[in-house]
């Protein structure tokens, strides 16, 4: 084993460096996607909760998928609060609005 390591230390160093680099890239990609999903949750919250006061069913269906992925990426409680507030909204505007 020691002989293998001493003969192939450059290859081992190269492979381990590549693995570290790829691990960092995956982590950065996950964080970036999570940030984009959070931004979209905030956008939906501002539009439907604050501006319209209702959230159509097709938006809620899409929101469920988006939140599931956000949560799988270890999204925090802020996204959960926004998601729950949007899901609690009625699906149609109140009569007379």
PDB file of N, CA and C in Angstrom:
ATOM      1  N   UNK A   1       0.822  -1.190   0.000  1.00  0.00           N
ATOM      2  CA  UNK A   1       0.000   0.000   0.000  1.00  0.00           C
ATOM      3  C   UNK A   1       0.869   1.258   0.000  1.00  0.00           C
ATOM      4  N   UNK A   2       1.911   1.255   0.826  1.00  0.00           N
ATOM      5  CA  UNK A   2       2.805   2.407   0.900  1.00  0.00           C
ATOM      6  C   UNK A   2       3.527   2.591  -0.432  1.00  0.00           C
ATOM      7  N   UNK A   3       3.888   1.482  -1.053  1.00  0.00           N
ATOM      8  CA  UNK A   3       4.561   1.546  -2.340  1.00  0.00           C
ATOM      9  C   UNK A   3       3.624   2.171  -3.392  1.00  0.00           C
ATOM     10  N   UNK A   4       2.356   1.750  -3.378  1.00  0.00           N
ATOM     11  CA  UNK A   4       1.375   2.303  -4.322  1.00  0.00           C
ATOM     12  C   UNK A   4       1.223   3.808  -4.129  1.00  0.00           C
ATOM     13  N   UNK A   5       1.112   4.225  -2.877  1.00  0.00           N
ATOM     14  CA  UNK A   5       0.957   5.655  -2.581  1.00  0.00           C
ATOM     15  C   UNK A   5       2.197   6.427  -3.005  1.00  0.00           C
ATOM     16  N   UNK A   6       3.366   5.908  -2.707  1.00  0.00           N
ATOM     17  CA  UNK A   6       4.594   6.632  -3.065  1.00  0.00           C
ATOM     18  C   UNK A   6       4.800   6.703  -4.571  1.00  0.00           C
ATOM     19  N   UNK A   7       4.319   5.716  -5.304  1.00  0.00           N
ATOM     20  CA  UNK A   7       4.465   5.722  -6.763  1.00  0.00           C
ATOM     21  C   UNK A   7       3.384   6.564  -7.446  1.00  0.00           C
ATOM     22  N   UNK A   8       2.251   6.751  -6.793  1.00  0.00           N
ATOM     23  CA  UNK A   8       1.115   7.424  -7.427  1.00  0.00           C
ATOM     24  C   UNK A   8       0.638   8.650  -6.655  1.00  0.00           C
ATOM     25  N   UNK A   9       1.512   9.271  -5.904  1.00  0.00           N
ATOM     26  CA  UNK A   9       1.091  10.397  -5.067  1.00  0.00           C
ATOM     27  C   UNK A   9       0.554  11.556  -5.893  1.00  0.00           C
ATOM     28  N   UNK A  10       1.102  11.766  -7.094  1.00  0.00           N
ATOM     29  CA  UNK A  10       0.612  12.866  -7.933  1.00  0.00           C
ATOM     30  C   UNK A  10      -0.816  12.601  -8.390  1.00  0.00           C
ATOM     31  N   UNK A  11      -1.091  11.363  -8.786  1.00  0.00           N
ATOM     32  CA  UNK A  11      -2.448  11.000  -9.205  1.00  0.00           C
ATOM     33  C   UNK A  11      -3.423  11.111  -8.037  1.00  0.00           C
ATOM     34  N   UNK A  12      -3.018  10.639  -6.885  1.00  0.00           N
ATOM     35  CA  UNK A  12      -3.876  10.706  -5.688  1.00  0.00           C
ATOM     36  C   UNK A  12      -4.145  12.169  -5.327  1.00  0.00           C
ATOM     37  N   UNK A  13      -3.132  13.008  -5.396  1.00  0.00           N
ATOM     38  CA  UNK A  13      -3.300  14.433  -5.105  1.00  0.00           C
ATOM     39  C   UNK A  13      -4.252  15.078  -6.107  1.00  0.00           C
ATOM     40  N   UNK A  14      -4.087  14.749  -7.374  1.00  0.00           N
ATOM     41  CA  UNK A  14      -4.951  15.306  -8.418  1.00  0.00           C
ATOM     42  C   UNK A  14      -6.407  14.898  -8.205  1.00  0.00           C
ATOM     43  N   UNK A  15      -6.635  13.613  -7.967  1.00  0.00           N
ATOM     44  CA  UNK A  15      -8.004  13.115  -7.780  1.00  0.00           C
ATOM     45  C   UNK A  15      -8.637  13.736  -6.538  1.00  0.00           C
ATOM     46  N   UNK A  16      -7.899  13.815  -5.457  1.00  0.00           N
ATOM     47  CA  UNK A  16      -8.473  14.399  -4.232  1.00  0.00           C
ATOM     48  C   UNK A  16      -8.751  15.895  -4.412  1.00  0.00           C
ATOM     49  N   UNK A  17      -7.896  16.605  -5.130  1.00  0.00           N
ATOM     50  CA  UNK A  17      -8.130  18.025  -5.413  1.00  0.00           C
ATOM     51  C   UNK A  17      -9.380  18.198  -6.259  1.00  0.00           C
ATOM     52  N   UNK A  18      -9.546  17.333  -7.257  1.00  0.00           N
ATOM     53  CA  UNK A  18     -10.756  17.392  -8.100  1.00  0.00           C
ATOM     54  C   UNK A  18     -12.014  17.118  -7.283  1.00  0.00           C
ATOM     55  N   UNK A  19     -11.935  16.152  -6.386  1.00  0.00           N
ATOM     56  CA  UNK A  19     -13.093  15.823  -5.556  1.00  0.00           C
ATOM     57  C   UNK A  19     -13.465  16.989  -4.640  1.00  0.00           C
ATOM     58  N   UNK A  20     -12.483  17.648  -4.070  1.00  0.00           N
ATOM     59  CA  UNK A  20     -12.742  18.808  -3.219  1.00  0.00           C
ATOM     60  C   UNK A  20     -13.366  19.927  -4.044  1.00  0.00           C
ATOM     61  N   UNK A  21     -12.822  20.170  -5.229  1.00  0.00           N
ATOM     62  CA  UNK A  21     -13.354  21.219  -6.106  1.00  0.00           C
ATOM     63  C   UNK A  21     -14.806  20.923  -6.485  1.00  0.00           C
ATOM     64  N   UNK A  22     -15.087  19.695  -6.892  1.00  0.00           N
ATOM     65  CA  UNK A  22     -16.451  19.337  -7.280  1.00  0.00           C
ATOM     66  C   UNK A  22     -17.402  19.415  -6.083  1.00  0.00           C
ATOM     67  N   UNK A  23     -16.948  19.027  -4.921  1.00  0.00           N
ATOM     68  CA  UNK A  23     -17.784  19.139  -3.724  1.00  0.00           C
ATOM     69  C   UNK A  23     -18.154  20.584  -3.435  1.00  0.00           C
ATOM     70  N   UNK A  24     -17.191  21.476  -3.595  1.00  0.00           N
ATOM     71  CA  UNK A  24     -17.465  22.903  -3.378  1.00  0.00           C
ATOM     72  C   UNK A  24     -18.422  23.443  -4.430  1.00  0.00           C
ATOM     73  N   UNK A  25     -18.277  22.972  -5.663  1.00  0.00           N
ATOM     74  CA  UNK A  25     -19.180  23.412  -6.730  1.00  0.00           C
ATOM     75  C   UNK A  25     -20.613  22.951  -6.475  1.00  0.00           C
ATOM     76  N   UNK A  26     -20.763  21.714  -6.024  1.00  0.00           N
ATOM     77  CA  UNK A  26     -22.097  21.192  -5.705  1.00  0.00           C
ATOM     78  C   UNK A  26     -22.714  21.992  -4.565  1.00  0.00           C
ATOM     79  N   UNK A  27     -21.940  22.278  -3.549  1.00  0.00           N
ATOM     80  CA  UNK A  27     -22.441  23.049  -2.412  1.00  0.00           C
ATOM     81  C   UNK A  27     -22.862  24.450  -2.845  1.00  0.00           C
ATOM     82  N   UNK A  28     -22.048  25.097  -3.669  1.00  0.00           N
ATOM     83  CA  UNK A  28     -22.385  26.437  -4.152  1.00  0.00           C
ATOM     84  C   UNK A  28     -23.638  26.400  -5.023  1.00  0.00           C
ATOM     85  N   UNK A  29     -23.784  25.372  -5.832  1.00  0.00           N
ATOM     86  CA  UNK A  29     -24.971  25.242  -6.685  1.00  0.00           C
ATOM     87  C   UNK A  29     -26.225  25.050  -5.837  1.00  0.00           C
ATOM     88  N   UNK A  30     -26.121  24.211  -4.829  1.00  0.00           N
ATOM     89  CA  UNK A  30     -27.269  23.995  -3.931  1.00  0.00           C
ATOM     90  C   UNK A  30     -27.682  25.302  -3.251  1.00  0.00           C
ATOM     91  N   UNK A  31     -26.696  26.047  -2.766  1.00  0.00           N
ATOM     92  CA  UNK A  31     -27.004  27.318  -2.099  1.00  0.00           C
ATOM     93  C   UNK A  31     -27.620  28.315  -3.076  1.00  0.00           C
ATOM     94  N   UNK A  32     -27.118  28.340  -4.294  1.00  0.00           N
ATOM     95  CA  UNK A  32     -27.662  29.244  -5.302  1.00  0.00           C
ATOM     96  C   UNK A  32     -29.092  28.902  -5.662  1.00  0.00           C
ATOM     97  N   UNK A  33     -29.378  27.622  -5.847  1.00  0.00           N
ATOM     98  CA  UNK A  33     -30.745  27.205  -6.168  1.00  0.00           C
ATOM     99  C   UNK A  33     -31.677  27.506  -5.007  1.00  0.00           C
ATOM    100  N   UNK A  34     -31.207  27.263  -3.786  1.00  0.00           N
ATOM    101  CA  UNK A  34     -32.031  27.567  -2.608  1.00  0.00           C
ATOM    102  C   UNK A  34     -32.346  29.056  -2.529  1.00  0.00           C
ATOM    103  N   UNK A  35     -31.366  29.892  -2.851  1.00  0.00           N
ATOM    104  CA  UNK A  35     -31.588  31.344  -2.835  1.00  0.00           C
ATOM    105  C   UNK A  35     -32.600  31.755  -3.900  1.00  0.00           C
ATOM    106  N   UNK A  36     -32.528  31.149  -5.081  1.00  0.00           N
ATOM    107  CA  UNK A  36     -33.498  31.461  -6.138  1.00  0.00           C
ATOM    108  C   UNK A  36     -34.902  31.013  -5.759  1.00  0.00           C
ATOM    109  N   UNK A  37     -35.014  29.845  -5.152  1.00  0.00           N
ATOM    110  CA  UNK A  37     -36.332  29.375  -4.712  1.00  0.00           C
ATOM    111  C   UNK A  37     -36.894  30.273  -3.619  1.00  0.00           C
ATOM    112  N   UNK A  38     -36.041  30.702  -2.693  1.00  0.00           N
ATOM    113  CA  UNK A  38     -36.493  31.607  -1.629  1.00  0.00           C
ATOM    114  C   UNK A  38     -36.968  32.934  -2.225  1.00  0.00           C
ATOM    115  N   UNK A  39     -36.220  33.443  -3.190  1.00  0.00           N
ATOM    116  CA  UNK A  39     -36.611  34.706  -3.834  1.00  0.00           C
ATOM    117  C   UNK A  39     -37.961  34.562  -4.525  1.00  0.00           C
ATOM    118  N   UNK A  40     -38.214  33.417  -5.142  1.00  0.00           N
ATOM    119  CA  UNK A  40     -39.502  33.230  -5.799  1.00  0.00           C
ATOM    120  C   UNK A  40     -40.624  33.085  -4.781  1.00  0.00           C
ATOM    121  N   UNK A  41     -40.352  32.426  -3.656  1.00  0.00           N
ATOM    122  CA  UNK A  41     -41.370  32.344  -2.599  1.00  0.00           C
ATOM    123  C   UNK A  41     -41.725  33.747  -2.094  1.00  0.00           C
ATOM    124  N   UNK A  42     -40.717  34.581  -1.927  1.00  0.00           N
ATOM    125  CA  UNK A  42     -40.952  35.957  -1.478  1.00  0.00           C
ATOM    126  C   UNK A  42     -41.754  36.729  -2.524  1.00  0.00           C
ATOM    127  N   UNK A  43     -41.415  36.536  -3.801  1.00  0.00           N
ATOM    128  CA  UNK A  43     -42.139  37.213  -4.884  1.00  0.00           C
ATOM    129  C   UNK A  43     -43.613  36.797  -4.901  1.00  0.00           C
ATOM    130  N   UNK A  44     -43.849  35.498  -4.768  1.00  0.00           N
ATOM    131  CA  UNK A  44     -45.232  35.004  -4.754  1.00  0.00           C
ATOM    132  C   UNK A  44     -45.983  35.535  -3.539  1.00  0.00           C
ATOM    133  N   UNK A  45     -45.304  35.572  -2.399  1.00  0.00           N
ATOM    134  CA  UNK A  45     -45.935  36.088  -1.187  1.00  0.00           C
ATOM    135  C   UNK A  45     -46.333  37.552  -1.373  1.00  0.00           C
ATOM    136  N   UNK A  46     -45.414  38.346  -1.894  1.00  0.00           N
ATOM    137  CA  UNK A  46     -45.712  39.768  -2.098  1.00  0.00           C
ATOM    138  C   UNK A  46     -46.870  39.971  -3.074  1.00  0.00           C
ATOM    139  N   UNK A  47     -46.891  39.183  -4.115  1.00  0.00           N
ATOM    140  CA  UNK A  47     -47.937  39.351  -5.128  1.00  0.00           C
ATOM    141  C   UNK A  47     -49.292  38.878  -4.623  1.00  0.00           C
ATOM    142  N   UNK A  48     -49.355  37.649  -4.120  1.00  0.00           N
ATOM    143  CA  UNK A  48     -50.657  37.063  -3.791  1.00  0.00           C
ATOM    144  C   UNK A  48     -51.128  37.385  -2.383  1.00  0.00           C
ATOM    145  N   UNK A  49     -50.242  37.425  -1.425  1.00  0.00           N
ATOM    146  CA  UNK A  49     -50.664  37.700  -0.048  1.00  0.00           C
ATOM    147  C   UNK A  49     -50.868  39.194   0.174  1.00  0.00           C
ATOM    148  N   UNK A  50     -49.857  39.973  -0.184  1.00  0.00           N
ATOM    149  CA  UNK A  50     -49.914  41.402   0.098  1.00  0.00           C
ATOM    150  C   UNK A  50     -50.772  42.169  -0.902  1.00  0.00           C
ATOM    151  N   UNK A  51     -50.643  41.862  -2.187  1.00  0.00           N
ATOM    152  CA  UNK A  51     -51.322  42.654  -3.207  1.00  0.00           C
ATOM    153  C   UNK A  51     -52.738  42.165  -3.508  1.00  0.00           C
ATOM    154  N   UNK A  52     -52.902  40.871  -3.766  1.00  0.00           N
ATOM    155  CA  UNK A  52     -54.197  40.367  -4.226  1.00  0.00           C
ATOM    156  C   UNK A  52     -55.089  39.826  -3.108  1.00  0.00           C
ATOM    157  N   UNK A  53     -54.498  39.234  -2.102  1.00  0.00           N
ATOM    158  CA  UNK A  53     -55.289  38.692  -0.998  1.00  0.00           C
ATOM    159  C   UNK A  53     -55.877  37.322  -1.287  1.00  0.00           C
ATOM    160  N   UNK A  54     -55.529  36.721  -2.401  1.00  0.00           N
ATOM    161  CA  UNK A  54     -55.944  35.359  -2.717  1.00  0.00           C
ATOM    162  C   UNK A  54     -54.853  34.712  -3.564  1.00  0.00           C
ATOM    163  N   UNK A  55     -54.907  33.385  -3.656  1.00  0.00           N
ATOM    164  CA  UNK A  55     -53.887  32.649  -4.405  1.00  0.00           C
ATOM    165  C   UNK A  55     -54.593  31.569  -5.218  1.00  0.00           C
ATOM    166  N   UNK A  56     -54.608  31.694  -6.541  1.00  0.00           N
ATOM    167  CA  UNK A  56     -55.289  30.708  -7.386  1.00  0.00           C
ATOM    168  C   UNK A  56     -54.746  29.294  -7.185  1.00  0.00           C
ATOM    169  N   UNK A  57     -55.588  28.316  -7.471  1.00  0.00           N
ATOM    170  CA  UNK A  57     -55.227  26.918  -7.231  1.00  0.00           C
ATOM    171  C   UNK A  57     -54.012  26.484  -8.048  1.00  0.00           C
ATOM    172  N   UNK A  58     -53.893  26.976  -9.284  1.00  0.00           N
ATOM    173  CA  UNK A  58     -52.746  26.576 -10.110  1.00  0.00           C
ATOM    174  C   UNK A  58     -51.432  27.104  -9.529  1.00  0.00           C
ATOM    175  N   UNK A  59     -51.488  28.246  -8.873  1.00  0.00           N
ATOM    176  CA  UNK A  59     -50.284  28.785  -8.220  1.00  0.00           C
ATOM    177  C   UNK A  59     -49.954  27.945  -6.997  1.00  0.00           C
ATOM    178  N   UNK A  60     -50.971  27.539  -6.258  1.00  0.00           N
ATOM    179  CA  UNK A  60     -50.740  26.703  -5.078  1.00  0.00           C
ATOM    180  C   UNK A  60     -50.134  25.357  -5.464  1.00  0.00           C
ATOM    181  N   UNK A  61     -50.581  24.791  -6.581  1.00  0.00           N
ATOM    182  CA  UNK A  61     -50.016  23.515  -7.027  1.00  0.00           C
ATOM    183  C   UNK A  61     -48.535  23.677  -7.367  1.00  0.00           C
ATOM    184  N   UNK A  62     -48.210  24.731  -8.072  1.00  0.00           N
ATOM    185  CA  UNK A  62     -46.813  25.001  -8.413  1.00  0.00           C
ATOM    186  C   UNK A  62     -46.000  25.312  -7.155  1.00  0.00           C
ATOM    187  N   UNK A  63     -46.610  26.026  -6.239  1.00  0.00           N
ATOM    188  CA  UNK A  63     -45.960  26.395  -4.985  1.00  0.00           C
ATOM    189  C   UNK A  63     -45.599  25.157  -4.162  1.00  0.00           C
ATOM    190  N   UNK A  64     -46.464  24.151  -4.165  1.00  0.00           N
ATOM    191  CA  UNK A  64     -46.163  22.922  -3.432  1.00  0.00           C
ATOM    192  C   UNK A  64     -44.889  22.270  -3.952  1.00  0.00           C
ATOM    193  N   UNK A  65     -44.757  22.182  -5.274  1.00  0.00           N
ATOM    194  CA  UNK A  65     -43.552  21.590  -5.863  1.00  0.00           C
ATOM    195  C   UNK A  65     -42.315  22.416  -5.521  1.00  0.00           C
ATOM    196  N   UNK A  66     -42.450  23.718  -5.653  1.00  0.00           N
ATOM    197  CA  UNK A  66     -41.322  24.611  -5.384  1.00  0.00           C
ATOM    198  C   UNK A  66     -40.892  24.522  -3.922  1.00  0.00           C
ATOM    199  N   UNK A  67     -41.848  24.503  -3.008  1.00  0.00           N
ATOM    200  CA  UNK A  67     -41.517  24.435  -1.588  1.00  0.00           C
ATOM    201  C   UNK A  67     -40.875  23.091  -1.240  1.00  0.00           C
ATOM    202  N   UNK A  68     -41.349  22.009  -1.840  1.00  0.00           N
ATOM    203  CA  UNK A  68     -40.784  20.691  -1.579  1.00  0.00           C
ATOM    204  C   UNK A  68     -39.282  20.678  -1.911  1.00  0.00           C
ATOM    205  N   UNK A  69     -38.938  21.269  -3.046  1.00  0.00           N
ATOM    206  CA  UNK A  69     -37.521  21.321  -3.433  1.00  0.00           C
ATOM    207  C   UNK A  69     -36.731  22.274  -2.534  1.00  0.00           C
ATOM    208  N   UNK A  70     -37.332  23.386  -2.173  1.00  0.00           N
ATOM    209  CA  UNK A  70     -36.689  24.336  -1.260  1.00  0.00           C
ATOM    210  C   UNK A  70     -36.382  23.654   0.075  1.00  0.00           C
ATOM    211  N   UNK A  71     -37.343  22.930   0.582  1.00  0.00           N
ATOM    212  CA  UNK A  71     -37.178  22.250   1.858  1.00  0.00           C
ATOM    213  C   UNK A  71     -36.125  21.136   1.746  1.00  0.00           C
ATOM    214  N   UNK A  72     -36.088  20.428   0.613  1.00  0.00           N
ATOM    215  CA  UNK A  72     -35.095  19.369   0.411  1.00  0.00           C
ATOM    216  C   UNK A  72     -33.676  19.937   0.392  1.00  0.00           C
ATOM    217  N   UNK A  73     -33.542  21.200   0.000  1.00  0.00           N
ATOM    218  CA  UNK A  73     -32.243  21.864  -0.006  1.00  0.00           C
ATOM    219  C   UNK A  73     -31.934  22.521   1.340  1.00  0.00           C
ATOM    220  N   UNK A  74     -32.657  22.119   2.364  1.00  0.00           N
ATOM    221  CA  UNK A  74     -32.458  22.617   3.733  1.00  0.00           C
ATOM    222  C   UNK A  74     -32.824  24.089   3.870  1.00  0.00           C
ATOM    223  N   UNK A  75     -33.923  24.490   3.189  1.00  0.00           N
ATOM    224  CA  UNK A  75     -34.418  25.850   3.337  1.00  0.00           C
ATOM    225  C   UNK A  75     -34.891  26.079   4.765  1.00  0.00           C
ATOM    226  N   UNK A  76     -34.797  27.316   5.229  1.00  0.00           N
ATOM    227  CA  UNK A  76     -35.097  27.616   6.628  1.00  0.00           C
ATOM    228  C   UNK A  76     -36.576  27.926   6.865  1.00  0.00           C
ATOM    229  N   UNK A  77     -36.903  28.338   8.062  1.00  0.00           N
ATOM    230  CA  UNK A  77     -38.277  28.581   8.469  1.00  0.00           C
ATOM    231  C   UNK A  77     -38.933  29.771   7.803  1.00  0.00           C
ATOM    232  N   UNK A  78     -38.149  30.699   7.271  1.00  0.00           N
ATOM    233  CA  UNK A  78     -38.737  31.860   6.586  1.00  0.00           C
ATOM    234  C   UNK A  78     -39.547  31.386   5.397  1.00  0.00           C
ATOM    235  N   UNK A  79     -38.981  30.498   4.598  1.00  0.00           N
ATOM    236  CA  UNK A  79     -39.700  29.949   3.448  1.00  0.00           C
ATOM    237  C   UNK A  79     -40.926  29.169   3.874  1.00  0.00           C
ATOM    238  N   UNK A  80     -40.816  28.449   4.976  1.00  0.00           N
ATOM    239  CA  UNK A  80     -41.955  27.682   5.487  1.00  0.00           C
ATOM    240  C   UNK A  80     -43.083  28.620   5.894  1.00  0.00           C
ATOM    241  N   UNK A  81     -42.758  29.719   6.568  1.00  0.00           N
ATOM    242  CA  UNK A  81     -43.789  30.682   6.967  1.00  0.00           C
ATOM    243  C   UNK A  81     -44.473  31.294   5.747  1.00  0.00           C
ATOM    244  N   UNK A  82     -43.705  31.642   4.729  1.00  0.00           N
ATOM    245  CA  UNK A  82     -44.278  32.205   3.512  1.00  0.00           C
ATOM    246  C   UNK A  82     -45.180  31.187   2.823  1.00  0.00           C
ATOM    247  N   UNK A  83     -44.711  29.955   2.735  1.00  0.00           N
ATOM    248  CA  UNK A  83     -45.476  28.881   2.102  1.00  0.00           C
ATOM    249  C   UNK A  83     -46.808  28.668   2.822  1.00  0.00           C
ATOM    250  N   UNK A  84     -46.755  28.570   4.139  1.00  0.00           N
ATOM    251  CA  UNK A  84     -47.987  28.331   4.905  1.00  0.00           C
ATOM    252  C   UNK A  84     -48.959  29.496   4.778  1.00  0.00           C
ATOM    253  N   UNK A  85     -48.452  30.722   4.767  1.00  0.00           N
ATOM    254  CA  UNK A  85     -49.327  31.887   4.614  1.00  0.00           C
ATOM    255  C   UNK A  85     -50.002  31.879   3.242  1.00  0.00           C
ATOM    256  N   UNK A  86     -49.268  31.503   2.215  1.00  0.00           N
ATOM    257  CA  UNK A  86     -49.851  31.445   0.873  1.00  0.00           C
ATOM    258  C   UNK A  86     -50.870  30.327   0.752  1.00  0.00           C
ATOM    259  N   UNK A  87     -50.592  29.196   1.357  1.00  0.00           N
ATOM    260  CA  UNK A  87     -51.521  28.064   1.272  1.00  0.00           C
ATOM    261  C   UNK A  87     -52.805  28.337   2.055  1.00  0.00           C
ATOM    262  N   UNK A  88     -52.747  29.230   3.035  1.00  0.00           N
ATOM    263  CA  UNK A  88     -53.939  29.576   3.814  1.00  0.00           C
ATOM    264  C   UNK A  88     -54.849  30.564   3.100  1.00  0.00           C
ATOM    265  N   UNK A  89     -54.370  31.183   2.041  1.00  0.00           N
ATOM    266  CA  UNK A  89     -55.179  32.169   1.312  1.00  0.00           C
ATOM    267  C   UNK A  89     -56.306  31.485   0.553  1.00  0.00           C
ATOM    268  N   UNK A  90     -57.427  32.200   0.361  1.00  0.00           N
ATOM    269  CA  UNK A  90     -58.497  31.643  -0.485  1.00  0.00           C
ATOM    270  C   UNK A  90     -58.010  31.535  -1.933  1.00  0.00           C
ATOM    271  N   UNK A  91     -58.669  30.673  -2.711  1.00  0.00           N
ATOM    272  CA  UNK A  91     -58.249  30.464  -4.098  1.00  0.00           C
ATOM    273  C   UNK A  91     -58.901  31.442  -5.076  1.00  0.00           C
ATOM    274  N   UNK A  92     -59.901  32.159  -4.619  1.00  0.00           N
ATOM    275  CA  UNK A  92     -60.572  33.125  -5.488  1.00  0.00           C
ATOM    276  C   UNK A  92     -60.743  34.439  -4.722  1.00  0.00           C
ATOM    277  N   UNK A  93     -60.813  35.540  -5.470  1.00  0.00           N
ATOM    278  CA  UNK A  93     -60.997  36.834  -4.793  1.00  0.00           C
ATOM    279  C   UNK A  93     -62.384  36.895  -4.133  1.00  0.00           C
ATOM    280  N   UNK A  94     -62.491  37.740  -3.128  1.00  0.00           N
ATOM    281  CA  UNK A  94     -63.777  37.936  -2.481  1.00  0.00           C
ATOM    282  C   UNK A  94     -64.744  38.595  -3.451  1.00  0.00           C
ATOM    283  N   UNK A  95     -65.995  38.328  -3.286  1.00  0.00           N
ATOM    284  CA  UNK A  95     -67.018  38.908  -4.154  1.00  0.00           C
ATOM    285  C   UNK A  95     -66.969  40.428  -4.040  1.00  0.00           C
ATOM    286  N   UNK A  96     -67.069  41.085  -5.177  1.00  0.00           N
ATOM    287  CA  UNK A  96     -67.085  42.545  -5.191  1.00  0.00           C
ATOM    288  C   UNK A  96     -65.719  43.181  -5.310  1.00  0.00           C
ATOM    289  N   UNK A  97     -64.682  42.382  -5.431  1.00  0.00           N
ATOM    290  CA  UNK A  97     -63.328  42.949  -5.571  1.00  0.00           C
ATOM    291  C   UNK A  97     -62.905  42.942  -7.010  1.00  0.00           C
TER     292      UNK A  97
END
